[in-house]
C-alpha cells in the first residue's frame, strides 16, 4: 500500500499546474526527482540498519523469530493425531492447521503448503503424510518459500499417552526445552560423506528450538530436554523432563525410617531426567533443494521402503507354500511308482510281503 500511495502522489505532483511556464515546470520535476532519490536512499539505509540489527541479535545468541506450521494429510490414524497434539503442547511456537486435502493437489504439495505457510506467517513446515491407510508415516520438513526440504520415514512411534506419563511434575505447558544433540550425532556429522547431517541438524533445530521472544503463550521456564541421537544411520528423538528434589527431602509414601534423598553438588538440589515422550525414529530418505520440489541434493541409498519389506515377506510366505506343494506332489508320485496306492499301474508280485502274509 505504501508503494501504491507513493506512486499516486508522485503522479499527482507531476501534473502541470496552470499558470506556470515550461522552465518552472522543469525545475519542479527536477526537485521531485531529487526528493524521490533521497527517499530511496533512506529506505536502503533503513534496510541496512535492520540487517545489521538482525546480525547483532544472532551474535548475542537470540534466535530469529520462527513459527512452525504443523499439519497432516488425510488417512492418519489416532496415534498420528496424538503425536501431533503432543508436539503442539511441547512447542509453543507452532500453529496447528487442519488436514490437507490431498485429493485436490493438482500442482503437488508445493503450491498448497507454501501458500498456507505464507497465509499464517510461518517459516517452517512440519507436515506428516500418511500412506497405505496409515501403515506408513512420512515427515516433511521444509523452509518455505525457497527450501530446502527433507523427507523422513517416521517409525517406532510412542505418544505421551502410551508412555503413561504426560505433563507430570514441574514440566509445564508452554515452557521451553533444551535441544541437545548427542555425541553420536556429531561423530556421524564429521565423517566423510555425511555433510548432509549439518543441514538436518539446522532443520531440526529450527523446529524444536523455541525462540526467547516473540512467542504467544510461552512461559519463562526451561523444564525439559529434547535429545537427538544418531545411531545406525537413523535419528532417534527422546523428550525428558527435568525433575529436581530438595536436599534432605523424602519421597512420598515412604516411611520415616527411609534414608533421605542424596544431596547434589555444593548443596544444590538433585537433578534427574524422566522420559515423558513422545518418542520416534526418523530415517532420512531424500533432500530437495526447493520447498517441496527442485533438484535432489541427497538420497539415502541404504533406505528400504516399507512396501518392499512387505513384498519380501509375502514372497517368502508364497515360496514356503510352493515348496510345500512341490514336496507333496513328489511324495504322491513316489508312492504311485512304488505301487503303494490303489491306482498304481505296477502289477503286484507274488512274493510281496502283502501277498505272503495276507
Protein backbone atom coordinates (compact mmCIF):
# COMPACT_ATOMS: atom_id res chain seq x y z
CA UNK A 1 0.00 0.00 0.00
CA UNK A 2 2.86 2.39 0.76
CA UNK A 3 4.34 1.85 -2.70
CA UNK A 4 0.96 2.45 -4.37
CA UNK A 5 0.41 5.64 -2.37
CA UNK A 6 3.89 6.82 -3.27
CA UNK A 7 3.28 6.24 -6.99
CA UNK A 8 -0.08 8.01 -6.98
CA UNK A 9 1.28 11.01 -5.09
CA UNK A 10 4.17 11.19 -7.49
CA UNK A 11 1.83 11.23 -10.50
CA UNK A 12 -0.30 13.93 -8.91
CA UNK A 13 2.72 16.06 -8.19
CA UNK A 14 3.90 15.74 -11.79
CA UNK A 15 0.63 17.09 -13.22
CA UNK A 16 1.17 20.54 -14.87
CA UNK A 17 -0.04 23.47 -12.86
CA UNK A 18 -1.96 26.22 -14.60
CA UNK A 19 -0.14 29.49 -14.87
CA UNK A 20 3.41 28.07 -14.82
CA UNK A 21 5.95 28.31 -17.55
CA UNK A 22 7.79 25.37 -19.03
CA UNK A 23 11.05 26.32 -17.27
CA UNK A 24 9.35 26.47 -13.89
CA UNK A 25 7.66 23.13 -14.57
CA UNK A 26 11.03 21.52 -15.39
CA UNK A 27 12.53 22.86 -12.17
CA UNK A 28 9.67 21.36 -10.14
CA UNK A 29 10.15 17.99 -11.87
CA UNK A 30 13.87 18.02 -11.04
CA UNK A 31 13.12 18.79 -7.41
CA UNK A 32 10.63 15.93 -7.26
CA UNK A 33 13.16 13.53 -8.76
CA UNK A 34 15.78 14.61 -6.23
CA UNK A 35 13.27 14.08 -3.41
CA UNK A 36 12.46 10.57 -4.65
CA UNK A 37 16.15 9.69 -4.82
CA UNK A 38 16.69 10.73 -1.22
CA UNK A 39 13.66 8.68 -0.16
CA UNK A 40 15.02 5.55 -1.84
CA UNK A 41 18.39 6.07 -0.21
CA UNK A 42 16.72 6.42 3.17
CA UNK A 43 14.82 3.18 2.59
CA UNK A 44 18.07 1.43 1.67
CA UNK A 45 19.67 2.77 4.83
CA UNK A 46 16.72 1.54 6.91
CA UNK A 47 17.01 -1.90 5.34
CA UNK A 48 20.73 -1.97 6.06
CA UNK A 49 20.06 -1.00 9.66
CA UNK A 50 17.57 -3.84 10.00
CA UNK A 51 20.07 -6.35 8.59
CA UNK A 52 22.77 -5.08 10.96
CA UNK A 53 20.37 -5.31 13.92
CA UNK A 54 19.47 -8.90 12.96
CA UNK A 55 23.15 -9.87 12.73
CA UNK A 56 23.78 -8.28 16.12
CA UNK A 57 20.92 -10.28 17.68
CA UNK A 58 22.26 -13.52 16.21
CA UNK A 59 25.71 -12.73 17.59
CA UNK A 60 24.18 -12.19 21.03
CA UNK A 61 22.52 -15.62 20.95
CA UNK A 62 18.98 -14.56 20.07
CA UNK A 63 17.25 -16.88 17.65
CA UNK A 64 15.27 -15.34 14.79
CA UNK A 65 11.53 -15.42 15.10
CA UNK A 66 10.33 -18.80 13.91
CA UNK A 67 6.80 -20.11 13.55
CA UNK A 68 6.17 -23.75 12.66
CA UNK A 69 3.14 -24.81 10.61
CA UNK A 70 2.05 -28.27 11.82
CA UNK A 71 -0.46 -30.29 9.82
CA UNK A 72 -1.20 -33.78 8.48
CA UNK A 73 -2.62 -35.35 5.37
CA UNK A 74 -5.79 -37.39 5.16
CA UNK A 75 -5.63 -41.02 6.23
CA UNK A 76 -3.78 -40.57 9.53
CA UNK A 77 -4.64 -42.77 12.50
CA UNK A 78 -5.40 -41.81 16.10
CA UNK A 79 -1.77 -42.38 17.10
CA UNK A 80 -0.62 -39.87 14.50
CA UNK A 81 -3.14 -37.30 15.71
CA UNK A 82 -1.96 -37.80 19.30
CA UNK A 83 1.64 -37.28 18.15
CA UNK A 84 0.65 -34.01 16.54
CA UNK A 85 -1.15 -32.79 19.66
CA UNK A 86 1.84 -33.76 21.85
CA UNK A 87 4.22 -31.80 19.65
CA UNK A 88 1.93 -28.75 19.70
CA UNK A 89 1.87 -28.95 23.50
CA UNK A 90 5.66 -29.24 23.69
CA UNK A 91 6.42 -26.44 21.21
CA UNK A 92 4.59 -23.14 21.90
CA UNK A 93 5.73 -21.56 18.62
CA UNK A 94 3.64 -23.92 16.45
CA UNK A 95 0.46 -23.22 14.53
CA UNK A 96 -1.77 -26.27 14.06
CA UNK A 97 -3.74 -26.47 10.83
CA UNK A 98 -6.46 -28.89 9.73
CA UNK A 99 -5.80 -31.85 7.46
CA UNK A 100 -4.54 -31.12 3.98
CA UNK A 101 -6.93 -32.24 1.26
CA UNK A 102 -4.59 -34.26 -0.95
CA UNK A 103 -7.35 -35.06 -3.47
CA UNK A 104 -7.07 -31.53 -4.85
CA UNK A 105 -3.28 -31.43 -5.19
CA UNK A 106 -3.13 -30.69 -8.90
CA UNK A 107 0.21 -28.89 -8.52
CA UNK A 108 1.50 -31.08 -5.69
CA UNK A 109 2.32 -30.02 -2.15
CA UNK A 110 4.42 -27.09 -3.34
CA UNK A 111 1.62 -24.63 -4.02
CA UNK A 112 -0.73 -25.70 -1.21
CA UNK A 113 1.71 -25.84 1.69
CA UNK A 114 3.70 -22.78 0.69
CA UNK A 115 0.53 -20.73 0.38
CA UNK A 116 -0.64 -21.94 3.81
CA UNK A 117 2.71 -21.03 5.36
CA UNK A 118 2.54 -17.57 3.78
CA UNK A 119 -1.02 -17.12 4.98
CA UNK A 120 -0.18 -17.90 8.62
CA UNK A 121 3.28 -16.20 8.58
CA UNK A 122 5.16 -19.47 9.17
CA UNK A 123 8.74 -20.01 8.05
CA UNK A 124 8.95 -23.76 8.86
CA UNK A 125 6.57 -26.52 7.69
CA UNK A 126 6.14 -29.74 9.70
CA UNK A 127 3.96 -31.98 7.50
CA UNK A 128 3.01 -35.58 8.31
CA UNK A 129 1.95 -37.64 5.30
CA UNK A 130 0.19 -40.97 5.85
CA UNK A 131 0.06 -43.68 3.18
CA UNK A 132 -1.37 -47.20 2.89
CA UNK A 133 -4.29 -46.41 5.22
CA UNK A 134 -1.99 -45.19 7.99
CA UNK A 135 0.52 -48.04 7.81
CA UNK A 136 3.36 -45.77 6.66
CA UNK A 137 4.04 -42.27 8.01
CA UNK A 138 6.40 -39.78 6.37
CA UNK A 139 7.62 -36.47 7.74
CA UNK A 140 8.35 -33.45 5.52
CA UNK A 141 10.42 -30.57 6.92
CA UNK A 142 10.64 -27.52 4.70
CA UNK A 143 11.72 -23.89 4.75
CA UNK A 144 9.29 -22.01 2.51
CA UNK A 145 9.42 -20.50 0.01
CA UNK A 146 12.95 -21.31 -1.20
CA UNK A 147 13.70 -24.56 0.65
CA UNK A 148 15.36 -26.88 1.38
CA UNK A 149 13.04 -29.83 2.05
CA UNK A 150 13.87 -33.05 3.90
CA UNK A 151 11.72 -36.19 3.74
CA UNK A 152 11.89 -38.71 6.61
CA UNK A 153 10.28 -42.05 7.27
CA UNK A 154 8.83 -41.97 10.79
CA UNK A 155 8.53 -45.24 12.70
CA UNK A 156 8.74 -46.66 16.26
CA UNK A 157 6.23 -44.06 17.40
CA UNK A 158 5.17 -43.82 21.07
CA UNK A 159 2.97 -40.96 22.26
CA UNK A 160 2.79 -39.46 25.74
CA UNK A 161 -0.42 -41.34 26.46
CA UNK A 162 1.23 -44.67 25.61
CA UNK A 163 4.18 -43.96 27.87
CA UNK A 164 1.70 -43.15 30.66
CA UNK A 165 3.48 -40.04 31.91
CA UNK A 166 2.07 -36.91 30.30
CA UNK A 167 2.98 -33.50 31.73
CA UNK A 168 3.84 -34.55 35.26
CA UNK A 169 5.85 -32.85 37.98
CA UNK A 170 7.34 -29.49 37.07
CA UNK A 171 7.01 -29.93 33.30
CA UNK A 172 4.56 -27.17 32.39
CA UNK A 173 2.74 -26.44 29.18
CA UNK A 174 4.19 -23.50 27.29
CA UNK A 175 7.73 -23.87 28.62
CA UNK A 176 10.91 -24.06 26.61
CA UNK A 177 13.19 -27.02 26.20
CA UNK A 178 16.91 -27.54 25.74
CA UNK A 179 17.72 -29.22 22.44
CA UNK A 180 20.74 -31.49 22.94
CA UNK A 181 22.49 -33.23 20.03
CA UNK A 182 24.27 -36.31 21.26
CA UNK A 183 27.93 -37.04 20.62
CA UNK A 184 26.94 -39.86 18.26
CA UNK A 185 25.15 -37.36 16.01
CA UNK A 186 28.22 -35.10 15.92
CA UNK A 187 30.55 -38.00 15.14
CA UNK A 188 28.45 -39.06 12.18
CA UNK A 189 28.27 -35.46 11.02
CA UNK A 190 32.07 -35.08 10.99
CA UNK A 191 32.63 -38.22 8.89
CA UNK A 192 33.25 -38.04 5.12
CA UNK A 193 30.12 -38.19 3.03
CA UNK A 194 27.90 -37.10 5.93
CA UNK A 195 27.79 -33.38 5.22
CA UNK A 196 24.02 -33.60 4.91
CA UNK A 197 23.89 -34.14 8.67
CA UNK A 198 24.66 -30.47 9.22
CA UNK A 199 21.62 -29.49 7.16
CA UNK A 200 19.43 -31.95 9.09
CA UNK A 201 20.81 -30.52 12.33
CA UNK A 202 19.80 -26.97 11.40
CA UNK A 203 16.33 -28.06 10.24
CA UNK A 204 15.65 -29.94 13.48
CA UNK A 205 17.00 -27.02 15.49
CA UNK A 206 14.58 -24.69 13.73
CA UNK A 207 11.65 -26.95 14.69
CA UNK A 208 12.46 -27.86 18.29
CA UNK A 209 14.31 -24.73 19.46
CA UNK A 210 11.82 -22.22 20.84
CA UNK A 211 12.82 -18.55 20.40
CA UNK A 212 13.33 -16.48 23.53
CA UNK A 213 10.87 -13.83 22.45
CA UNK A 214 8.01 -13.25 20.08
CA UNK A 215 6.03 -16.39 21.03
CA UNK A 216 2.49 -16.03 22.29
CA UNK A 217 1.67 -18.08 25.39
CA UNK A 218 5.27 -19.01 26.18
CA UNK A 219 6.22 -19.38 29.85
CA UNK A 220 9.67 -18.39 31.18
CA UNK A 221 10.59 -21.95 32.17
CA UNK A 222 13.22 -24.35 30.89
CA UNK A 223 11.94 -27.64 32.26
CA UNK A 224 12.52 -30.25 29.56
CA UNK A 225 15.31 -31.64 27.40
CA UNK A 226 14.85 -32.79 23.80
CA UNK A 227 17.58 -35.29 22.99
CA UNK A 228 18.52 -36.05 19.38
CA UNK A 229 20.71 -39.10 18.80
CA UNK A 230 22.24 -40.51 15.62
CA UNK A 231 22.55 -44.31 15.63
CA UNK A 232 22.63 -46.79 12.72
CA UNK A 233 22.03 -44.06 10.16
CA UNK A 234 18.78 -43.02 11.85
CA UNK A 235 17.77 -40.14 14.09
CA UNK A 236 16.29 -41.02 17.49
CA UNK A 237 14.33 -38.30 19.28
CA UNK A 238 13.52 -38.51 23.00
CA UNK A 239 11.95 -35.93 25.34
CA UNK A 240 12.90 -35.85 29.04
CA UNK A 241 11.56 -33.91 31.97
CA UNK A 242 13.93 -32.19 34.40
CA UNK A 243 12.98 -33.12 37.96
CA UNK A 244 14.57 -31.58 41.00
CA UNK A 245 14.44 -32.92 44.55
CA UNK A 246 15.23 -30.73 47.55
CA UNK A 247 18.29 -31.79 49.56
CA UNK A 248 17.34 -33.93 52.54
CA UNK A 249 13.70 -34.44 51.45
CA UNK A 250 11.95 -37.79 51.34
CA UNK A 251 9.86 -39.41 48.68
CA UNK A 252 6.13 -39.52 49.04
CA UNK A 253 4.63 -42.67 50.50
CA UNK A 254 7.82 -43.78 52.26
CA UNK A 255 8.26 -44.38 55.98
CA UNK A 256 10.23 -42.11 58.24
CA UNK A 257 12.89 -44.77 58.63
CA UNK A 258 13.91 -44.47 54.98
CA UNK A 259 17.02 -42.54 54.14
CA UNK A 260 16.68 -39.01 52.75
CA UNK A 261 17.45 -38.31 49.12
CA UNK A 262 21.12 -37.62 48.35
CA UNK A 263 22.24 -34.03 48.05
CA UNK A 264 23.64 -32.61 44.86
CA UNK A 265 26.97 -30.93 44.49
CA UNK A 266 27.54 -27.99 46.85
CA UNK A 267 24.14 -28.40 48.45
CA UNK A 268 22.23 -27.96 45.18
CA UNK A 269 19.04 -29.98 44.52
CA UNK A 270 19.44 -33.40 42.98
CA UNK A 271 18.52 -33.32 39.31
CA UNK A 272 17.17 -36.34 37.43
CA UNK A 273 15.71 -36.93 33.97
CA UNK A 274 12.47 -38.79 33.36
CA UNK A 275 11.26 -39.58 29.86
CA UNK A 276 7.82 -38.18 29.16
CA UNK A 277 7.51 -38.62 25.39
CA UNK A 278 6.73 -38.56 22.62
CA UNK A 279 9.44 -40.71 21.11
CA UNK A 280 10.02 -41.64 17.47
CA UNK A 281 12.74 -42.55 14.99
CA UNK A 282 13.44 -40.70 11.73
CA UNK A 283 15.11 -42.23 8.68
CA UNK A 284 16.25 -39.63 6.11
CA UNK A 285 15.15 -40.51 2.58
CA UNK A 286 15.82 -37.55 0.30
CA UNK A 287 16.75 -33.84 0.49
CA UNK A 288 15.38 -31.42 -2.10
CA UNK A 289 16.82 -28.02 -2.88
CA UNK A 290 13.48 -26.18 -3.11
CA UNK A 291 10.38 -26.16 -0.97
CA UNK A 292 8.63 -29.46 -1.82
CA UNK A 293 10.37 -29.54 -5.16
CA UNK A 294 13.58 -28.86 -7.02
CA UNK A 295 16.66 -30.97 -7.71
CA UNK A 296 17.75 -33.73 -5.36
CA UNK A 297 20.66 -32.78 -3.11
CA UNK A 298 20.97 -36.05 -1.18
CA UNK A 299 19.41 -39.51 -1.49
CA UNK A 300 19.77 -42.31 1.04
CA UNK A 301 20.85 -45.38 -0.91
CA UNK A 302 20.51 -47.66 2.13
CA UNK A 303 16.84 -46.86 2.70
CA UNK A 304 14.38 -49.68 2.01
CA UNK A 305 10.75 -48.68 1.66
CA UNK A 306 8.10 -50.44 3.79
CA UNK A 307 6.36 -51.58 0.59
CA UNK A 308 9.50 -53.50 -0.40
CA UNK A 309 9.72 -55.08 3.06
CA UNK A 310 6.09 -56.19 2.93
CA UNK A 311 6.59 -57.56 -0.58
CA UNK A 312 9.58 -59.65 0.51
CA UNK A 313 7.53 -61.04 3.42
CA UNK A 314 4.72 -62.01 1.06
CA UNK A 315 7.18 -63.57 -1.37
CA UNK A 316 8.81 -65.61 1.41
CA UNK A 317 5.39 -66.91 2.50
CA UNK A 318 4.49 -67.74 -1.09
CA UNK A 319 7.82 -69.53 -1.51
CA UNK A 320 7.21 -71.69 1.54
CA UNK A 321 3.75 -72.63 0.24
CA UNK A 322 5.05 -73.55 -3.23
CA UNK A 323 7.83 -75.65 -1.67
CA UNK A 324 5.30 -77.50 0.44
CA UNK A 325 3.12 -78.19 -2.61
CA UNK A 326 6.13 -79.50 -4.57
CA UNK A 327 7.08 -81.86 -1.75
CA UNK A 328 3.52 -83.16 -1.58
CA UNK A 329 3.46 -83.77 -5.36
CA UNK A 330 6.80 -85.62 -5.24
CA UNK A 331 5.59 -87.80 -2.39
CA UNK A 332 2.43 -88.80 -4.26
CA UNK A 333 4.43 -89.60 -7.42
CA UNK A 334 6.88 -91.74 -5.46
CA UNK A 335 4.09 -93.69 -3.77
CA UNK A 336 2.49 -94.27 -7.18
CA UNK A 337 5.74 -95.60 -8.65
CA UNK A 338 6.23 -97.99 -5.72
CA UNK A 339 2.70 -99.33 -6.02
CA UNK A 340 1.62 -98.15 -2.60
CA UNK A 341 -1.61 -96.66 -3.91
CA UNK A 342 -4.72 -98.35 -5.28
CA UNK A 343 -4.49 -96.58 -8.62
CA UNK A 344 -0.90 -97.61 -9.32
CA UNK A 345 -0.12 -99.17 -12.75
CA UNK A 346 2.53 -101.53 -11.34
CA UNK A 347 1.46 -105.20 -11.23
CA UNK A 348 1.70 -106.84 -7.77
CA UNK A 349 4.38 -109.53 -7.35
CA UNK A 350 3.53 -112.93 -5.87
CA UNK A 351 6.42 -112.75 -3.42
CA UNK A 352 5.46 -109.43 -1.93
CA UNK A 353 5.03 -109.22 1.81
CA UNK A 354 1.37 -108.31 1.49
CA UNK A 355 0.69 -111.46 -0.54
CA UNK A 356 2.75 -113.83 1.60
CA UNK A 357 1.42 -112.73 4.98
CA UNK A 358 -2.11 -111.85 3.94
